[in-house]
Amino acid sequence: MKPPVVILVGTSHQGNAGAAARGAANFGVTDLRFVAPRCDVKGKEAIDRSVHAKPLLESAKVYPNLVAALEGCSLSVGTTARSAQAPNHMLRKPMDVRDFLDSLVESKWDGQLAYVFGPEDSGLHGDDVDRLDQLVTVPTADYNSLNLAHAVTLLCYEHFRLAAAGITPERELNPDALNALNRAWDELCIEVEPRAWRRRTAQGVWRKVVGRSLPATFEVHNLFGIVTNALKRFGHPEYATETSEKVLAERGLKVKSDHEGSGPGTDAQLGESTD
């Protein structure tokens, strides 16, 4: 979808004008419009609060009324915190902004949308609401009145995220990496836990916890190194090396463990416990 036009009606505080411009610019808005502002929306405080959005604020046009400001917009969407039904509830009942945007995506709508925000102290006037094509609201807790700049930022974000490419990094996992980690964990459980039922539980819980985290290969390798270092301290024949044995002995980290015969983790040697 195209970036929306942002229209601020009756803005009364320079700081809100600048902060709203900043929030809009963060999410790709290039067209900011003011309707009959009650302050100098391009004054020093507004410019200071706009930070990197100074060009957007300086290029914003000022209109005498909402009708003029909506020129070139194919769909006008008002914003409100009022979700209770009014006497003319069919005209004033807003949609959740997420549901509204989902409907645009599903219908592949691609016109020029405008978000209209009312004055800080009173919101959009009834006459302006009646001129708009739709009303939306942002879900909040009990206190539902958002600062103007916050409301602009939230709606622009919701609009932007539907069309923007995701920035979450890909998490690739080598198929052998997790198997190796799980096997090493199983062996560590055998070394430190004599009770068979407790080992089985720990082995199962480990797989579920690690599985939920959706680890990447690098992360698995890091955990694998820690687990195998612990196994080396026990002198586990599959993981211990001559070098590791020497280093651990020099550091006094070697744990006495007998891997002869049936092995330290077998039930024959450790016995079954129900504690």
Protein backbone atom coordinates (compact mmCIF):
# COMPACT_ATOMS: atom_id res chain seq x y z
CA MET A 1 0.00 0.00 0.00
CA LYS A 2 1.01 3.61 -0.57
CA PRO A 3 2.12 5.66 2.44
CA PRO A 4 -0.91 7.51 3.84
CA VAL A 5 -1.52 11.22 3.87
CA VAL A 6 -1.63 12.50 7.46
CA ILE A 7 -4.03 15.37 8.18
CA LEU A 8 -4.03 17.17 11.52
CA VAL A 9 -7.10 19.29 12.27
CA GLY A 10 -7.02 22.19 14.71
CA THR A 11 -3.64 21.37 16.22
CA SER A 12 -3.04 23.56 19.27
CA HIS A 13 0.51 22.72 20.42
CA GLN A 14 3.71 23.17 18.44
CA GLY A 15 5.33 20.24 20.21
CA ASN A 16 2.58 17.88 19.07
CA ALA A 17 2.90 19.10 15.48
CA GLY A 18 6.64 18.40 15.46
CA ALA A 19 6.41 15.07 17.26
CA ALA A 20 3.58 13.93 14.97
CA ALA A 21 5.71 14.78 11.94
CA ARG A 22 8.57 12.76 13.40
CA GLY A 23 6.37 9.73 14.05
CA ALA A 24 4.85 9.91 10.57
CA ALA A 25 8.25 10.22 8.88
CA ASN A 26 9.51 7.14 10.70
CA PHE A 27 7.01 5.10 8.73
CA GLY A 28 7.37 6.57 5.27
CA VAL A 29 4.83 9.40 5.24
CA THR A 30 5.77 12.12 2.76
CA ASP A 31 2.57 14.21 2.79
CA LEU A 32 1.60 16.01 6.00
CA ARG A 33 -1.29 18.48 6.01
CA PHE A 34 -2.71 20.86 8.62
CA VAL A 35 -6.27 22.15 8.80
CA ALA A 36 -6.88 25.49 10.55
CA PRO A 37 -4.14 25.00 13.15
CA ARG A 38 -4.41 26.97 16.41
CA CYS A 39 -0.66 27.43 16.78
CA ASP A 40 2.37 28.02 14.59
CA VAL A 41 2.87 24.43 13.44
CA LYS A 42 6.20 25.36 11.88
CA GLY A 43 7.49 27.35 14.84
CA LYS A 44 10.74 26.69 16.69
CA GLU A 45 9.33 24.16 19.16
CA ALA A 46 7.67 22.22 16.36
CA ILE A 47 10.87 22.17 14.31
CA ASP A 48 12.91 21.09 17.34
CA ARG A 49 10.51 18.23 18.15
CA SER A 50 10.42 17.04 14.55
CA VAL A 51 14.18 16.17 14.59
CA HIS A 52 14.89 14.24 11.36
CA ALA A 53 11.37 14.98 10.06
CA LYS A 54 12.10 18.69 9.66
CA PRO A 55 11.76 18.53 5.81
CA LEU A 56 8.34 16.84 6.13
CA LEU A 57 7.13 19.49 8.57
CA GLU A 58 8.50 22.41 6.56
CA SER A 59 6.86 21.14 3.36
CA ALA A 60 3.48 20.55 5.02
CA LYS A 61 0.59 22.53 3.57
CA VAL A 62 -1.99 24.40 5.64
CA TYR A 63 -5.67 24.36 4.58
CA PRO A 64 -8.65 26.39 5.77
CA ASN A 65 -10.97 23.40 6.10
CA LEU A 66 -11.06 19.61 5.91
CA VAL A 67 -12.76 19.49 2.52
CA ALA A 68 -9.84 21.32 0.94
CA ALA A 69 -7.28 19.19 2.79
CA LEU A 70 -8.81 15.96 1.48
CA GLU A 71 -8.18 16.89 -2.15
CA GLY A 72 -6.44 14.03 -3.97
CA CYS A 73 -7.33 11.42 -1.33
CA SER A 74 -9.50 8.53 -2.42
CA LEU A 75 -10.39 7.27 1.07
CA SER A 76 -10.54 9.36 4.26
CA VAL A 77 -10.22 7.68 7.64
CA GLY A 78 -10.87 9.52 10.88
CA THR A 79 -9.38 8.57 14.22
CA THR A 80 -11.21 8.55 17.53
CA ALA A 81 -10.92 7.22 21.07
CA ARG A 82 -14.69 7.12 21.44
CA SER A 83 -15.87 3.56 21.03
CA ALA A 84 -19.20 3.77 22.90
CA GLN A 85 -22.29 3.92 20.78
CA ALA A 86 -23.66 7.40 20.17
CA PRO A 87 -27.29 8.10 19.16
CA ASN A 88 -26.12 8.02 15.54
CA HIS A 89 -24.01 4.93 16.26
CA MET A 90 -23.89 3.76 12.65
CA LEU A 91 -21.96 6.93 11.79
CA ARG A 92 -19.73 7.05 14.86
CA LYS A 93 -18.83 3.43 15.65
CA PRO A 94 -15.09 2.99 14.85
CA MET A 95 -13.33 -0.14 13.66
CA ASP A 96 -10.17 -1.51 15.24
CA VAL A 97 -7.44 -0.08 13.00
CA ARG A 98 -5.95 -3.56 12.56
CA ASP A 99 -9.24 -5.00 11.31
CA PHE A 100 -9.65 -2.07 8.96
CA LEU A 101 -6.18 -2.46 7.47
CA ASP A 102 -6.59 -6.22 7.15
CA SER A 103 -9.70 -5.60 5.06
CA LEU A 104 -7.70 -3.31 2.76
CA VAL A 105 -5.04 -5.96 2.30
CA GLU A 106 -7.56 -8.72 1.63
CA SER A 107 -9.32 -6.61 -1.01
CA LYS A 108 -5.97 -5.50 -2.52
CA TRP A 109 -7.10 -1.90 -2.25
CA ASP A 110 -4.40 0.51 -3.47
CA GLY A 111 -5.83 4.03 -3.50
CA GLN A 112 -4.54 7.08 -1.64
CA LEU A 113 -5.65 6.82 1.97
CA ALA A 114 -5.69 9.75 4.39
CA TYR A 115 -5.68 9.49 8.19
CA VAL A 116 -7.38 12.46 9.84
CA PHE A 117 -6.66 13.43 13.46
CA GLY A 118 -8.67 15.96 15.44
CA PRO A 119 -7.63 18.65 17.95
CA GLU A 120 -5.83 17.52 21.11
CA ASP A 121 -8.54 18.71 23.50
CA SER A 122 -11.70 17.54 21.77
CA GLY A 123 -10.99 15.22 18.87
CA LEU A 124 -12.74 15.49 15.54
CA HIS A 125 -15.90 17.61 15.38
CA GLY A 126 -19.11 15.85 14.43
CA ASP A 127 -19.37 17.66 11.09
CA ASP A 128 -15.88 16.51 10.14
CA VAL A 129 -16.65 12.94 11.20
CA ASP A 130 -19.69 12.90 8.94
CA ARG A 131 -17.53 13.84 5.93
CA LEU A 132 -15.13 10.93 6.41
CA ASP A 133 -15.40 7.50 4.83
CA GLN A 134 -14.49 5.48 7.93
CA LEU A 135 -13.55 5.78 11.60
CA VAL A 136 -10.86 3.73 13.30
CA THR A 137 -9.53 3.48 16.83
CA VAL A 138 -6.47 2.08 18.58
CA PRO A 139 -7.25 -0.51 21.29
CA THR A 140 -6.16 0.74 24.71
CA ALA A 141 -6.66 -0.06 28.38
CA ASP A 142 -9.09 1.88 30.59
CA TYR A 143 -7.47 5.22 29.80
CA ASN A 144 -8.17 5.55 26.09
CA SER A 145 -7.12 9.12 25.24
CA LEU A 146 -3.84 9.04 23.33
CA ASN A 147 -1.50 11.96 22.83
CA LEU A 148 -1.86 13.27 19.27
CA ALA A 149 1.72 12.43 18.28
CA HIS A 150 1.40 8.94 19.77
CA ALA A 151 -1.81 8.30 17.85
CA VAL A 152 -0.20 9.44 14.58
CA THR A 153 2.82 7.20 15.18
CA LEU A 154 0.72 4.15 16.03
CA LEU A 155 -1.53 4.42 12.99
CA CYS A 156 1.36 5.07 10.64
CA TYR A 157 3.18 2.06 12.07
CA GLU A 158 0.16 -0.22 11.62
CA HIS A 159 -0.18 1.00 8.03
CA PHE A 160 3.55 0.63 7.31
CA ARG A 161 4.00 -2.86 8.72
CA LEU A 162 1.53 -4.42 6.26
CA ALA A 163 3.57 -3.38 3.24
CA ALA A 164 7.10 -3.31 4.65
CA ALA A 165 9.51 -6.19 4.33
CA GLY A 166 10.22 -7.93 7.63
CA ILE A 167 13.52 -7.13 9.34
CA THR A 168 13.67 -10.21 11.56
CA PRO A 169 16.89 -12.05 10.66
CA GLU A 170 16.61 -15.53 9.22
CA ARG A 171 17.36 -18.30 11.68
CA GLU A 172 18.83 -21.27 9.85
CA LEU A 173 19.54 -24.50 11.68
CA ASN A 174 21.76 -27.27 10.42
CA PRO A 175 19.80 -30.53 10.75
CA ASP A 176 22.68 -32.31 12.48
CA ALA A 177 23.43 -29.54 14.98
CA LEU A 178 20.39 -29.94 17.20
CA ASN A 179 20.66 -33.73 17.14
CA ALA A 180 24.25 -33.49 18.36
CA LEU A 181 23.28 -31.06 21.12
CA ASN A 182 20.41 -33.25 22.30
CA ARG A 183 22.62 -36.33 22.37
CA ALA A 184 25.25 -34.49 24.41
CA TRP A 185 22.57 -33.33 26.84
CA ASP A 186 21.33 -36.90 27.22
CA GLU A 187 24.84 -38.02 28.10
CA LEU A 188 25.22 -35.21 30.64
CA CYS A 189 21.95 -36.21 32.28
CA ILE A 190 23.32 -39.74 32.62
CA GLU A 191 26.47 -38.43 34.27
CA VAL A 192 24.76 -36.27 36.89
CA GLU A 193 21.36 -37.89 37.58
CA PRO A 194 21.08 -41.44 38.98
CA ARG A 195 17.28 -41.63 38.77
CA ALA A 196 16.06 -42.91 35.41
CA TRP A 197 12.68 -41.16 35.58
CA ARG A 198 14.34 -37.85 36.36
CA ARG A 199 16.72 -38.25 33.44
CA ARG A 200 13.87 -38.98 31.05
CA THR A 201 12.00 -35.89 32.28
CA ALA A 202 15.05 -33.64 31.95
CA GLN A 203 15.78 -34.96 28.47
CA GLY A 204 12.20 -34.34 27.33
CA VAL A 205 11.95 -30.89 28.92
CA TRP A 206 15.26 -29.88 27.34
CA ARG A 207 14.00 -30.68 23.85
CA LYS A 208 10.77 -28.75 24.36
CA VAL A 209 12.49 -25.65 25.78
CA VAL A 210 15.17 -25.56 23.08
CA GLY A 211 12.62 -26.34 20.38
CA ARG A 212 10.38 -23.43 21.39
CA SER A 213 13.31 -21.04 21.10
CA LEU A 214 13.84 -21.91 17.40
CA PRO A 215 17.63 -21.64 17.73
CA ALA A 216 20.05 -20.88 14.92
CA THR A 217 23.06 -23.08 14.18
CA PHE A 218 25.46 -20.66 15.87
CA GLU A 219 23.37 -20.67 19.05
CA VAL A 220 23.22 -24.46 19.10
CA HIS A 221 26.97 -24.70 18.62
CA ASN A 222 27.51 -22.35 21.55
CA LEU A 223 25.36 -24.47 23.88
CA PHE A 224 26.95 -27.63 22.51
CA GLY A 225 30.38 -26.33 23.51
CA ILE A 226 29.28 -25.74 27.12
CA VAL A 227 27.61 -29.14 27.46
CA THR A 228 30.54 -31.02 25.93
CA ASN A 229 32.99 -29.15 28.18
CA ALA A 230 31.01 -30.47 31.14
CA LEU A 231 31.20 -34.00 29.69
CA LYS A 232 34.95 -33.63 29.26
CA ARG A 233 35.27 -32.92 32.98
CA PHE A 234 33.70 -36.31 33.61
CA GLY A 235 36.16 -37.89 31.20
CA HIS A 236 33.38 -39.06 28.92
CA PRO A 237 35.05 -41.27 26.31
CA GLU A 238 33.13 -39.78 23.38
CA TYR A 239 33.96 -36.16 24.17
CA ALA A 240 37.22 -36.21 26.17
CA THR A 241 40.53 -35.81 24.34
CA GLU A 242 44.11 -36.09 25.50
CA THR A 243 44.41 -32.33 25.39
CA SER A 244 41.23 -31.73 27.37
CA GLU A 245 42.23 -34.32 29.95
CA LYS A 246 45.58 -32.62 30.45
CA VAL A 247 44.15 -29.11 30.66
CA LEU A 248 41.40 -30.12 33.08
CA ALA A 249 43.87 -31.96 35.30
CA GLU A 250 46.18 -28.94 35.38
CA ARG A 251 43.32 -26.69 36.37
CA GLY A 252 41.96 -29.08 38.97
CA LEU A 253 38.65 -29.34 37.13
CA LYS A 254 38.64 -33.07 36.48
CA VAL A 255 35.70 -34.90 38.03
CA LYS A 256 36.35 -38.47 39.09
CA SER A 257 34.15 -40.73 36.99
CA ASP A 258 34.55 -44.39 36.17
CA HIS A 259 33.69 -45.23 32.58
CA GLU A 260 34.88 -48.78 32.78
CA GLY A 261 32.53 -51.74 32.53
CA SER A 262 28.87 -50.86 32.48
CA GLY A 263 29.53 -47.10 32.58
CA PRO A 264 28.54 -44.46 35.09
CA GLY A 265 25.10 -43.79 33.71
CA THR A 266 23.68 -47.31 33.61
CA ASP A 267 20.94 -48.41 35.95
CA ALA A 268 23.04 -51.42 36.89
CA GLN A 269 25.65 -49.19 38.49
CA LEU A 270 23.52 -46.30 39.73
CA GLY A 271 20.43 -48.23 40.69
CA GLU A 272 16.84 -47.11 40.31
CA SER A 273 15.53 -44.52 42.72
CA THR A 274 12.01 -43.22 43.10
CA ASP A 275 12.96 -40.22 45.26
